[in-house]
Amino acid sequence: MWCVAAVCAVAVVSLASGCRRGSPELEELSPEQENRYDAEIRRQASAQGLPPELLKAVIWKESRFRAEQIGSKGELGLMQLMGPAIEDWARTLRRPVPPKREMMRPELNIEVGAWYLAWCGRRFPAHRKASGLVLQLAVYNAGFGRARQWLPKNPDQVLTLEDISFPTTRDYIRQILTRMSYYRERGDF
């Protein structure tokens, strides 16, 4: 389990400590835009052992559900995947590396992104119980090497948002946890 109770507590604290109406964490999108990939999100979340609300919140943060989104550093699609993550997926599953245009297909992008997000959650097994989703999202956003710098020395100690030295990564995680809580409360899955 991905420390869902701890995440809900963090998300509630985040909501209480600054997420106001009009903030990006609670931004409203059209139901057509926001829910069109729910079946695929549910399928891939289940395949990877992820909460579907987490996967949907990452997609919301990364692309606002725009399948053709290309980031400033070449990130692709709904989950804004980089070449190394796509290559890791292909190598691990013994598949050919898909061309960039294929990575824009929502089904494939969500499949690869869900695999990579789950992989991020497995990177620090000793810390997973205490630090769970905060650590997983730090790896997804800032990379394995940077996330390693933020690990508590004691694996039983919780990695908090304040322990993360990059303000953009702290904000990224806070927004995703808040949005995840929003999807859970709304009953999306």
N, C-alpha and C. Protein backbone atom coordinates (compact mmCIF):
# COMPACT_ATOMS: atom_id res chain seq x y z
N MET A 1 0.85 -1.19 0.00
CA MET A 1 0.00 0.00 0.00
C MET A 1 0.89 1.23 0.00
N TRP A 2 0.46 2.27 -0.59
CA TRP A 2 1.28 3.47 -0.81
C TRP A 2 1.02 4.54 0.24
N CYS A 3 0.87 4.16 1.47
CA CYS A 3 0.71 5.11 2.57
C CYS A 3 -0.44 6.06 2.32
N VAL A 4 -1.57 5.53 1.90
CA VAL A 4 -2.70 6.36 1.52
C VAL A 4 -3.19 7.19 2.70
N ALA A 5 -3.21 6.61 3.89
CA ALA A 5 -3.68 7.37 5.06
C ALA A 5 -2.78 8.57 5.31
N ALA A 6 -1.47 8.37 5.20
CA ALA A 6 -0.54 9.48 5.41
C ALA A 6 -0.72 10.54 4.34
N VAL A 7 -0.97 10.11 3.11
CA VAL A 7 -1.16 11.06 2.02
C VAL A 7 -2.42 11.87 2.23
N CYS A 8 -3.48 11.21 2.66
CA CYS A 8 -4.72 11.95 2.92
C CYS A 8 -4.50 13.00 4.00
N ALA A 9 -3.72 12.64 5.03
CA ALA A 9 -3.43 13.60 6.09
C ALA A 9 -2.64 14.78 5.53
N VAL A 10 -1.65 14.50 4.69
CA VAL A 10 -0.86 15.57 4.08
C VAL A 10 -1.76 16.43 3.19
N ALA A 11 -2.62 15.79 2.42
CA ALA A 11 -3.50 16.54 1.52
C ALA A 11 -4.47 17.42 2.31
N VAL A 12 -4.99 16.90 3.41
CA VAL A 12 -5.90 17.69 4.24
C VAL A 12 -5.17 18.88 4.82
N VAL A 13 -3.93 18.65 5.29
CA VAL A 13 -3.13 19.77 5.80
C VAL A 13 -2.90 20.78 4.69
N SER A 14 -2.60 20.29 3.49
CA SER A 14 -2.38 21.20 2.36
C SER A 14 -3.63 22.01 2.06
N LEU A 15 -4.77 21.34 2.08
CA LEU A 15 -6.01 22.05 1.81
C LEU A 15 -6.26 23.12 2.86
N ALA A 16 -6.00 22.77 4.11
CA ALA A 16 -6.26 23.71 5.19
C ALA A 16 -5.25 24.83 5.23
N SER A 17 -4.07 24.61 4.62
CA SER A 17 -3.01 25.60 4.78
C SER A 17 -2.75 26.42 3.53
N GLY A 18 -3.73 26.61 2.70
CA GLY A 18 -3.44 27.53 1.63
C GLY A 18 -4.12 27.26 0.31
N CYS A 19 -4.81 26.19 0.14
CA CYS A 19 -5.49 25.96 -1.12
C CYS A 19 -6.82 26.66 -1.06
N ARG A 20 -6.92 27.75 -1.77
CA ARG A 20 -8.14 28.53 -1.75
C ARG A 20 -8.85 28.41 -3.10
N ARG A 21 -10.10 28.74 -3.10
CA ARG A 21 -10.85 28.74 -4.35
C ARG A 21 -10.08 29.58 -5.37
N GLY A 22 -9.92 29.03 -6.56
CA GLY A 22 -9.16 29.73 -7.58
C GLY A 22 -7.71 29.31 -7.63
N SER A 23 -7.25 28.55 -6.65
CA SER A 23 -5.86 28.08 -6.67
C SER A 23 -5.75 26.95 -7.70
N PRO A 24 -4.54 26.73 -8.24
CA PRO A 24 -4.40 25.71 -9.27
C PRO A 24 -4.77 24.31 -8.79
N GLU A 25 -4.63 24.03 -7.49
CA GLU A 25 -4.95 22.70 -6.98
C GLU A 25 -6.43 22.37 -7.14
N LEU A 26 -7.29 23.38 -7.12
CA LEU A 26 -8.72 23.14 -7.20
C LEU A 26 -9.32 23.66 -8.50
N GLU A 27 -8.47 23.94 -9.46
CA GLU A 27 -8.90 24.45 -10.76
C GLU A 27 -9.93 23.50 -11.38
N GLU A 28 -10.98 24.06 -11.84
CA GLU A 28 -12.04 23.27 -12.48
C GLU A 28 -11.77 23.17 -13.98
N LEU A 29 -11.92 21.97 -14.49
CA LEU A 29 -11.83 21.71 -15.92
C LEU A 29 -13.19 21.18 -16.37
N SER A 30 -13.44 21.20 -17.65
CA SER A 30 -14.71 20.65 -18.12
C SER A 30 -14.73 19.15 -17.83
N PRO A 31 -15.90 18.60 -17.50
CA PRO A 31 -15.98 17.16 -17.24
C PRO A 31 -15.49 16.33 -18.43
N GLU A 32 -15.76 16.79 -19.63
CA GLU A 32 -15.30 16.05 -20.81
C GLU A 32 -13.78 15.98 -20.84
N GLN A 33 -13.14 17.10 -20.55
CA GLN A 33 -11.69 17.14 -20.56
C GLN A 33 -11.10 16.32 -19.41
N GLU A 34 -11.65 16.50 -18.24
CA GLU A 34 -11.06 15.90 -17.04
C GLU A 34 -11.34 14.41 -16.91
N ASN A 35 -12.44 13.92 -17.47
CA ASN A 35 -12.82 12.52 -17.25
C ASN A 35 -12.65 11.62 -18.46
N ARG A 36 -12.22 12.15 -19.57
CA ARG A 36 -12.20 11.34 -20.79
C ARG A 36 -11.24 10.16 -20.74
N TYR A 37 -10.23 10.20 -19.87
CA TYR A 37 -9.25 9.10 -19.80
C TYR A 37 -9.44 8.22 -18.57
N ASP A 38 -10.56 8.37 -17.86
CA ASP A 38 -10.75 7.64 -16.61
C ASP A 38 -10.68 6.12 -16.77
N ALA A 39 -11.23 5.58 -17.84
CA ALA A 39 -11.20 4.12 -18.03
C ALA A 39 -9.76 3.64 -18.17
N GLU A 40 -8.98 4.35 -18.96
CA GLU A 40 -7.56 3.96 -19.13
C GLU A 40 -6.77 4.18 -17.85
N ILE A 41 -7.05 5.26 -17.16
CA ILE A 41 -6.38 5.53 -15.88
C ILE A 41 -6.69 4.39 -14.91
N ARG A 42 -7.93 4.01 -14.81
CA ARG A 42 -8.33 2.91 -13.91
C ARG A 42 -7.61 1.62 -14.30
N ARG A 43 -7.56 1.31 -15.58
CA ARG A 43 -6.93 0.09 -16.07
C ARG A 43 -5.44 0.07 -15.75
N GLN A 44 -4.76 1.15 -16.05
CA GLN A 44 -3.31 1.17 -15.84
C GLN A 44 -2.95 1.30 -14.36
N ALA A 45 -3.74 2.02 -13.60
CA ALA A 45 -3.49 2.11 -12.16
C ALA A 45 -3.61 0.73 -11.53
N SER A 46 -4.63 -0.01 -11.93
CA SER A 46 -4.82 -1.37 -11.41
C SER A 46 -3.65 -2.27 -11.81
N ALA A 47 -3.22 -2.17 -13.06
CA ALA A 47 -2.11 -3.00 -13.54
C ALA A 47 -0.81 -2.72 -12.78
N GLN A 48 -0.64 -1.48 -12.33
CA GLN A 48 0.61 -1.09 -11.65
C GLN A 48 0.48 -1.00 -10.14
N GLY A 49 -0.70 -1.27 -9.59
CA GLY A 49 -0.89 -1.19 -8.15
C GLY A 49 -0.86 0.23 -7.61
N LEU A 50 -1.36 1.16 -8.39
CA LEU A 50 -1.40 2.57 -7.99
C LEU A 50 -2.82 3.00 -7.69
N PRO A 51 -3.01 3.94 -6.79
CA PRO A 51 -4.34 4.52 -6.64
C PRO A 51 -4.69 5.29 -7.92
N PRO A 52 -5.87 5.04 -8.51
CA PRO A 52 -6.20 5.75 -9.74
C PRO A 52 -6.26 7.26 -9.55
N GLU A 53 -6.62 7.71 -8.35
CA GLU A 53 -6.65 9.15 -8.07
C GLU A 53 -5.25 9.76 -8.18
N LEU A 54 -4.24 9.00 -7.79
CA LEU A 54 -2.86 9.46 -7.92
C LEU A 54 -2.49 9.63 -9.38
N LEU A 55 -2.76 8.62 -10.18
CA LEU A 55 -2.42 8.67 -11.59
C LEU A 55 -3.15 9.84 -12.28
N LYS A 56 -4.41 10.01 -11.96
CA LYS A 56 -5.19 11.10 -12.56
C LYS A 56 -4.64 12.46 -12.11
N ALA A 57 -4.24 12.58 -10.84
CA ALA A 57 -3.69 13.84 -10.34
C ALA A 57 -2.36 14.17 -11.01
N VAL A 58 -1.54 13.16 -11.28
CA VAL A 58 -0.27 13.40 -11.98
C VAL A 58 -0.56 13.90 -13.39
N ILE A 59 -1.50 13.26 -14.07
CA ILE A 59 -1.86 13.71 -15.42
C ILE A 59 -2.39 15.14 -15.38
N TRP A 60 -3.24 15.43 -14.41
CA TRP A 60 -3.75 16.79 -14.26
C TRP A 60 -2.60 17.79 -14.13
N LYS A 61 -1.66 17.48 -13.26
CA LYS A 61 -0.54 18.40 -13.01
C LYS A 61 0.37 18.52 -14.22
N GLU A 62 0.67 17.40 -14.84
CA GLU A 62 1.64 17.40 -15.93
C GLU A 62 1.11 18.04 -17.21
N SER A 63 -0.16 17.81 -17.55
CA SER A 63 -0.63 18.25 -18.87
C SER A 63 -2.03 18.83 -18.90
N ARG A 64 -2.72 18.85 -17.76
CA ARG A 64 -4.12 19.27 -17.71
C ARG A 64 -4.95 18.49 -18.74
N PHE A 65 -4.58 17.20 -18.91
CA PHE A 65 -5.32 16.27 -19.76
C PHE A 65 -5.20 16.60 -21.25
N ARG A 66 -4.13 17.29 -21.63
CA ARG A 66 -3.89 17.59 -23.05
C ARG A 66 -2.93 16.54 -23.61
N ALA A 67 -3.46 15.63 -24.41
CA ALA A 67 -2.69 14.49 -24.93
C ALA A 67 -1.53 14.91 -25.82
N GLU A 68 -1.66 16.02 -26.50
CA GLU A 68 -0.62 16.47 -27.45
C GLU A 68 0.41 17.40 -26.80
N GLN A 69 0.37 17.53 -25.49
CA GLN A 69 1.27 18.44 -24.77
C GLN A 69 2.74 18.02 -24.97
N ILE A 70 3.57 18.98 -25.33
CA ILE A 70 5.02 18.77 -25.38
C ILE A 70 5.64 19.82 -24.49
N GLY A 71 6.43 19.37 -23.51
CA GLY A 71 7.05 20.27 -22.56
C GLY A 71 8.26 20.97 -23.11
N SER A 72 8.74 21.95 -22.38
CA SER A 72 9.88 22.77 -22.82
C SER A 72 11.17 21.97 -22.93
N LYS A 73 11.26 20.84 -22.26
CA LYS A 73 12.45 19.99 -22.34
C LYS A 73 12.18 18.72 -23.14
N GLY A 74 11.10 18.73 -23.90
CA GLY A 74 10.78 17.60 -24.75
C GLY A 74 9.90 16.54 -24.10
N GLU A 75 9.32 16.83 -22.94
CA GLU A 75 8.43 15.89 -22.27
C GLU A 75 7.20 15.67 -23.15
N LEU A 76 6.72 14.43 -23.15
CA LEU A 76 5.69 14.06 -24.12
C LEU A 76 4.36 13.64 -23.48
N GLY A 77 3.28 14.16 -24.03
CA GLY A 77 1.95 13.67 -23.76
C GLY A 77 1.37 13.96 -22.40
N LEU A 78 0.34 13.20 -22.09
CA LEU A 78 -0.42 13.40 -20.86
C LEU A 78 0.44 13.37 -19.60
N MET A 79 1.41 12.46 -19.56
CA MET A 79 2.22 12.30 -18.36
C MET A 79 3.58 12.94 -18.49
N GLN A 80 3.79 13.68 -19.59
CA GLN A 80 5.02 14.44 -19.81
C GLN A 80 6.26 13.57 -19.60
N LEU A 81 6.33 12.49 -20.37
CA LEU A 81 7.41 11.51 -20.24
C LEU A 81 8.66 11.95 -20.99
N MET A 82 9.78 11.68 -20.36
CA MET A 82 11.09 11.96 -20.97
C MET A 82 11.64 10.68 -21.59
N GLY A 83 12.57 10.85 -22.53
CA GLY A 83 13.18 9.72 -23.22
C GLY A 83 13.72 8.63 -22.30
N PRO A 84 14.50 8.96 -21.26
CA PRO A 84 15.03 7.90 -20.40
C PRO A 84 13.96 7.04 -19.72
N ALA A 85 12.84 7.64 -19.32
CA ALA A 85 11.76 6.86 -18.71
C ALA A 85 11.14 5.92 -19.73
N ILE A 86 10.95 6.40 -20.94
CA ILE A 86 10.38 5.58 -22.01
C ILE A 86 11.34 4.44 -22.35
N GLU A 87 12.62 4.74 -22.41
CA GLU A 87 13.63 3.71 -22.69
C GLU A 87 13.70 2.67 -21.59
N ASP A 88 13.60 3.09 -20.32
CA ASP A 88 13.58 2.13 -19.20
C ASP A 88 12.38 1.19 -19.31
N TRP A 89 11.22 1.75 -19.63
CA TRP A 89 10.01 0.95 -19.81
C TRP A 89 10.23 -0.08 -20.91
N ALA A 90 10.72 0.38 -22.06
CA ALA A 90 10.91 -0.51 -23.20
C ALA A 90 11.94 -1.60 -22.88
N ARG A 91 13.03 -1.24 -22.25
CA ARG A 91 14.08 -2.21 -21.91
C ARG A 91 13.55 -3.24 -20.90
N THR A 92 12.86 -2.76 -19.87
CA THR A 92 12.35 -3.66 -18.84
C THR A 92 11.33 -4.64 -19.40
N LEU A 93 10.46 -4.17 -20.26
CA LEU A 93 9.40 -5.02 -20.82
C LEU A 93 9.80 -5.67 -22.15
N ARG A 94 11.05 -5.44 -22.55
CA ARG A 94 11.58 -6.01 -23.80
C ARG A 94 10.71 -5.67 -25.00
N ARG A 95 10.44 -4.38 -25.11
CA ARG A 95 9.66 -3.85 -26.23
C ARG A 95 10.52 -2.84 -26.97
N PRO A 96 10.18 -2.58 -28.22
CA PRO A 96 10.90 -1.52 -28.92
C PRO A 96 10.52 -0.16 -28.33
N VAL A 97 11.45 0.78 -28.39
CA VAL A 97 11.17 2.15 -27.93
C VAL A 97 10.20 2.77 -28.94
N PRO A 98 9.04 3.19 -28.46
CA PRO A 98 8.06 3.77 -29.40
C PRO A 98 8.55 5.11 -29.94
N PRO A 99 8.21 5.42 -31.19
CA PRO A 99 8.53 6.75 -31.71
C PRO A 99 7.75 7.82 -30.95
N LYS A 100 8.25 9.03 -31.01
CA LYS A 100 7.62 10.14 -30.28
C LYS A 100 6.15 10.29 -30.61
N ARG A 101 5.79 10.19 -31.86
CA ARG A 101 4.37 10.38 -32.22
C ARG A 101 3.49 9.32 -31.57
N GLU A 102 4.01 8.11 -31.37
CA GLU A 102 3.24 7.06 -30.68
C GLU A 102 3.06 7.37 -29.20
N MET A 103 4.06 8.04 -28.62
CA MET A 103 3.98 8.38 -27.20
C MET A 103 2.92 9.44 -26.93
N MET A 104 2.40 10.05 -27.96
CA MET A 104 1.33 11.03 -27.80
C MET A 104 -0.04 10.35 -27.71
N ARG A 105 -0.10 9.06 -28.07
CA ARG A 105 -1.36 8.33 -27.94
C ARG A 105 -1.68 8.18 -26.46
N PRO A 106 -2.86 8.61 -26.01
CA PRO A 106 -3.17 8.57 -24.58
C PRO A 106 -3.00 7.19 -23.94
N GLU A 107 -3.45 6.14 -24.60
CA GLU A 107 -3.36 4.80 -24.00
C GLU A 107 -1.92 4.41 -23.73
N LEU A 108 -1.04 4.62 -24.70
CA LEU A 108 0.37 4.25 -24.52
C LEU A 108 1.05 5.18 -23.52
N ASN A 109 0.75 6.45 -23.59
CA ASN A 109 1.37 7.41 -22.67
C ASN A 109 1.00 7.08 -21.23
N ILE A 110 -0.27 6.77 -20.99
CA ILE A 110 -0.70 6.43 -19.63
C ILE A 110 -0.09 5.10 -19.20
N GLU A 111 -0.01 4.14 -20.11
CA GLU A 111 0.61 2.85 -19.77
C GLU A 111 2.07 3.04 -19.33
N VAL A 112 2.83 3.75 -20.15
CA VAL A 112 4.25 3.97 -19.82
C VAL A 112 4.38 4.84 -18.57
N GLY A 113 3.56 5.89 -18.49
CA GLY A 113 3.63 6.77 -17.33
C GLY A 113 3.26 6.08 -16.03
N ALA A 114 2.24 5.22 -16.07
CA ALA A 114 1.86 4.48 -14.86
C ALA A 114 2.97 3.52 -14.46
N TRP A 115 3.57 2.87 -15.44
CA TRP A 115 4.70 1.97 -15.15
C TRP A 115 5.82 2.77 -14.49
N TYR A 116 6.15 3.92 -15.06
CA TYR A 116 7.25 4.72 -14.53
C TYR A 116 6.93 5.26 -13.14
N LEU A 117 5.71 5.70 -12.92
CA LEU A 117 5.32 6.20 -11.60
C LEU A 117 5.43 5.08 -10.56
N ALA A 118 4.99 3.88 -10.90
CA ALA A 118 5.13 2.74 -9.99
C ALA A 118 6.61 2.42 -9.75
N TRP A 119 7.41 2.49 -10.81
CA TRP A 119 8.86 2.26 -10.68
C TRP A 119 9.46 3.27 -9.71
N CYS A 120 9.04 4.51 -9.81
CA CYS A 120 9.53 5.55 -8.88
C CYS A 120 9.21 5.19 -7.44
N GLY A 121 8.06 4.58 -7.22
CA GLY A 121 7.66 4.18 -5.88
C GLY A 121 8.45 3.01 -5.33
N ARG A 122 9.10 2.27 -6.20
CA ARG A 122 9.90 1.12 -5.76
C ARG A 122 11.38 1.43 -5.58
N ARG A 123 11.80 2.63 -5.86
CA ARG A 123 13.22 2.96 -5.86
C ARG A 123 13.87 2.90 -4.48
N PHE A 124 13.15 3.21 -3.44
CA PHE A 124 13.72 3.23 -2.09
C PHE A 124 12.85 2.35 -1.18
N PRO A 125 12.98 1.03 -1.30
CA PRO A 125 12.06 0.15 -0.56
C PRO A 125 12.10 0.34 0.96
N ALA A 126 13.26 0.63 1.52
CA ALA A 126 13.35 0.80 2.98
C ALA A 126 12.58 2.03 3.45
N HIS A 127 12.46 3.03 2.60
CA HIS A 127 11.80 4.28 2.97
C HIS A 127 10.33 4.34 2.56
N ARG A 128 9.88 3.36 1.81
CA ARG A 128 8.55 3.43 1.22
C ARG A 128 7.44 3.49 2.28
N LYS A 129 7.57 2.73 3.35
CA LYS A 129 6.51 2.70 4.35
C LYS A 129 6.31 4.07 4.98
N ALA A 130 7.40 4.73 5.37
CA ALA A 130 7.29 6.01 6.07
C ALA A 130 7.06 7.19 5.11
N SER A 131 7.69 7.15 3.95
CA SER A 131 7.70 8.33 3.09
C SER A 131 6.82 8.20 1.86
N GLY A 132 6.42 7.02 1.50
CA GLY A 132 5.44 6.72 0.47
C GLY A 132 5.35 7.66 -0.71
N LEU A 133 4.20 8.28 -0.85
CA LEU A 133 3.90 9.07 -2.04
C LEU A 133 4.74 10.33 -2.17
N VAL A 134 5.12 10.93 -1.07
CA VAL A 134 5.96 12.13 -1.16
C VAL A 134 7.27 11.77 -1.85
N LEU A 135 7.87 10.67 -1.44
CA LEU A 135 9.12 10.23 -2.06
C LEU A 135 8.90 9.79 -3.51
N GLN A 136 7.84 9.05 -3.75
CA GLN A 136 7.53 8.59 -5.10
C GLN A 136 7.37 9.77 -6.06
N LEU A 137 6.65 10.78 -5.65
CA LEU A 137 6.44 11.95 -6.50
C LEU A 137 7.71 12.78 -6.63
N ALA A 138 8.54 12.81 -5.61
CA ALA A 138 9.82 13.51 -5.70
C ALA A 138 10.70 12.86 -6.76
N VAL A 139 10.72 11.52 -6.79
CA VAL A 139 11.49 10.81 -7.81
C VAL A 139 10.92 11.11 -9.19
N TYR A 140 9.61 11.04 -9.34
CA TYR A 140 8.96 11.27 -10.64
C TYR A 140 9.27 12.67 -11.16
N ASN A 141 9.27 13.65 -10.26
CA ASN A 141 9.45 15.04 -10.67
C ASN A 141 10.91 15.45 -10.79
N ALA A 142 11.71 15.11 -9.80
CA ALA A 142 13.08 15.64 -9.74
C ALA A 142 14.14 14.61 -10.10
N GLY A 143 13.77 13.35 -10.19
CA GLY A 143 14.72 12.31 -10.54
C GLY A 143 15.26 11.57 -9.33
N PHE A 144 15.78 10.39 -9.60
CA PHE A 144 16.28 9.49 -8.58
C PHE A 144 17.43 10.11 -7.78
N GLY A 145 18.39 10.68 -8.48
CA GLY A 145 19.57 11.25 -7.81
C GLY A 145 19.22 12.37 -6.86
N ARG A 146 18.37 13.27 -7.29
CA ARG A 146 17.99 14.39 -6.42
C ARG A 146 17.15 13.90 -5.24
N ALA A 147 16.23 12.99 -5.50
CA ALA A 147 15.38 12.47 -4.42
C ALA A 147 16.22 11.77 -3.36
N ARG A 148 17.27 11.10 -3.78
CA ARG A 148 18.16 10.40 -2.83
C ARG A 148 18.76 11.38 -1.83
N GLN A 149 19.02 12.61 -2.25
CA GLN A 149 19.61 13.62 -1.36
C GLN A 149 18.64 14.01 -0.24
N TRP A 150 17.35 13.81 -0.45
CA TRP A 150 16.35 14.24 0.53
C TRP A 150 15.95 13.13 1.49
N LEU A 151 16.46 11.93 1.29
CA LEU A 151 16.07 10.80 2.14
C LEU A 151 16.49 11.01 3.58
N PRO A 152 15.61 10.74 4.51
CA PRO A 152 16.03 10.74 5.91
C PRO A 152 17.03 9.60 6.14
N LYS A 153 17.97 9.81 7.04
CA LYS A 153 18.95 8.75 7.34
C LYS A 153 18.26 7.51 7.90
N ASN A 154 17.25 7.73 8.73
CA ASN A 154 16.49 6.63 9.31
C ASN A 154 15.29 6.34 8.41
N PRO A 155 15.20 5.13 7.85
CA PRO A 155 14.07 4.81 6.95
C PRO A 155 12.70 4.92 7.61
N ASP A 156 12.65 4.88 8.94
CA ASP A 156 11.36 5.01 9.63
C ASP A 156 10.93 6.47 9.79
N GLN A 157 11.84 7.39 9.51
CA GLN A 157 11.52 8.81 9.60
C GLN A 157 10.79 9.23 8.33
N VAL A 158 9.77 10.04 8.47
CA VAL A 158 8.95 10.48 7.35
C VAL A 158 9.64 11.61 6.59
N LEU A 159 9.67 11.48 5.27
CA LEU A 159 10.12 12.58 4.41
C LEU A 159 8.95 13.55 4.28
N THR A 160 9.16 14.78 4.72
CA THR A 160 8.11 15.78 4.63
C THR A 160 8.40 16.72 3.45
N LEU A 161 7.42 17.49 3.09
CA LEU A 161 7.62 18.46 2.02
C LEU A 161 8.72 19.46 2.38
N GLU A 162 8.82 19.79 3.65
CA GLU A 162 9.84 20.75 4.10
C GLU A 162 11.26 20.20 3.94
N ASP A 163 11.40 18.87 3.87
CA ASP A 163 12.72 18.26 3.68
C ASP A 163 13.22 18.38 2.25
N ILE A 164 12.34 18.70 1.33
CA ILE A 164 12.70 18.79 -0.09
C ILE A 164 13.21 20.19 -0.37
N SER A 165 14.45 20.26 -0.87
CA SER A 165 15.10 21.56 -1.02
C SER A 165 14.68 22.33 -2.27
N PHE A 166 13.98 21.71 -3.21
CA PHE A 166 13.53 22.41 -4.41
C PHE A 166 12.11 22.92 -4.20
N PRO A 167 11.91 24.23 -4.16
CA PRO A 167 10.55 24.75 -3.99
C PRO A 167 9.58 24.26 -5.07
N THR A 168 10.07 24.13 -6.30
CA THR A 168 9.17 23.69 -7.37
C THR A 168 8.72 22.24 -7.16
N THR A 169 9.61 21.40 -6.66
CA THR A 169 9.24 20.00 -6.39
C THR A 169 8.28 19.92 -5.20
N ARG A 170 8.54 20.73 -4.17
CA ARG A 170 7.61 20.77 -3.03
C ARG A 170 6.21 21.16 -3.51
N ASP A 171 6.13 22.21 -4.33
CA ASP A 171 4.84 22.68 -4.82
C ASP A 171 4.19 21.63 -5.73
N TYR A 172 4.99 20.99 -6.56
CA TYR A 172 4.50 19.93 -7.45
C TYR A 172 3.83 18.83 -6.63
N ILE A 173 4.51 18.36 -5.60
CA ILE A 173 3.98 17.28 -4.75
C ILE A 173 2.73 17.74 -4.02
N ARG A 174 2.78 18.92 -3.46
CA ARG A 174 1.63 19.45 -2.72
C ARG A 174 0.40 19.53 -3.63
N GLN A 175 0.59 20.03 -4.84
CA GLN A 175 -0.54 20.15 -5.76
C GLN A 175 -1.11 18.79 -6.14
N ILE A 176 -0.25 17.82 -6.37
CA ILE A 176 -0.73 16.48 -6.74
C ILE A 176 -1.46 15.83 -5.57
N LEU A 177 -0.91 15.93 -4.36
CA LEU A 177 -1.58 15.33 -3.20
C LEU A 177 -2.94 15.98 -2.95
N THR A 178 -3.01 17.28 -3.15
CA THR A 178 -4.28 17.99 -2.96
C THR A 178 -5.28 17.56 -4.02
N ARG A 179 -4.83 17.48 -5.26
CA ARG A 179 -5.73 17.08 -6.34
C ARG A 179 -6.17 15.63 -6.17
N MET A 180 -5.26 14.77 -5.71
CA MET A 180 -5.59 13.38 -5.45
C MET A 180 -6.70 13.28 -4.40
N SER A 181 -6.57 14.06 -3.35
CA SER A 181 -7.59 14.09 -2.30
C SER A 181 -8.92 14.60 -2.87
N TYR A 182 -8.87 15.59 -3.72
CA TYR A 182 -10.06 16.13 -4.38
C TYR A 182 -10.76 15.05 -5.19
N TYR A 183 -10.00 14.28 -5.99
CA TYR A 183 -10.60 13.21 -6.78
C TYR A 183 -11.19 12.13 -5.88
N ARG A 184 -10.52 11.84 -4.80
CA ARG A 184 -11.02 10.82 -3.87
C ARG A 184 -12.34 11.29 -3.23
N GLU A 185 -12.36 12.53 -2.76
CA GLU A 185 -13.56 13.07 -2.12
C GLU A 185 -14.72 13.17 -3.12
N ARG A 186 -14.41 13.46 -4.35
CA ARG A 186 -15.43 13.60 -5.38
C ARG A 186 -15.97 12.23 -5.84
N GLY A 187 -15.20 11.18 -5.53
CA GLY A 187 -15.63 9.83 -5.88
C GLY A 187 -15.39 9.47 -7.33
N ASP A 188 -14.30 9.96 -7.89
CA ASP A 188 -14.02 9.68 -9.31
C ASP A 188 -13.82 8.20 -9.60
N PHE A 189 -13.31 7.44 -8.64
CA PHE A 189 -13.03 6.02 -8.90
C PHE A 189 -13.63 5.13 -7.85
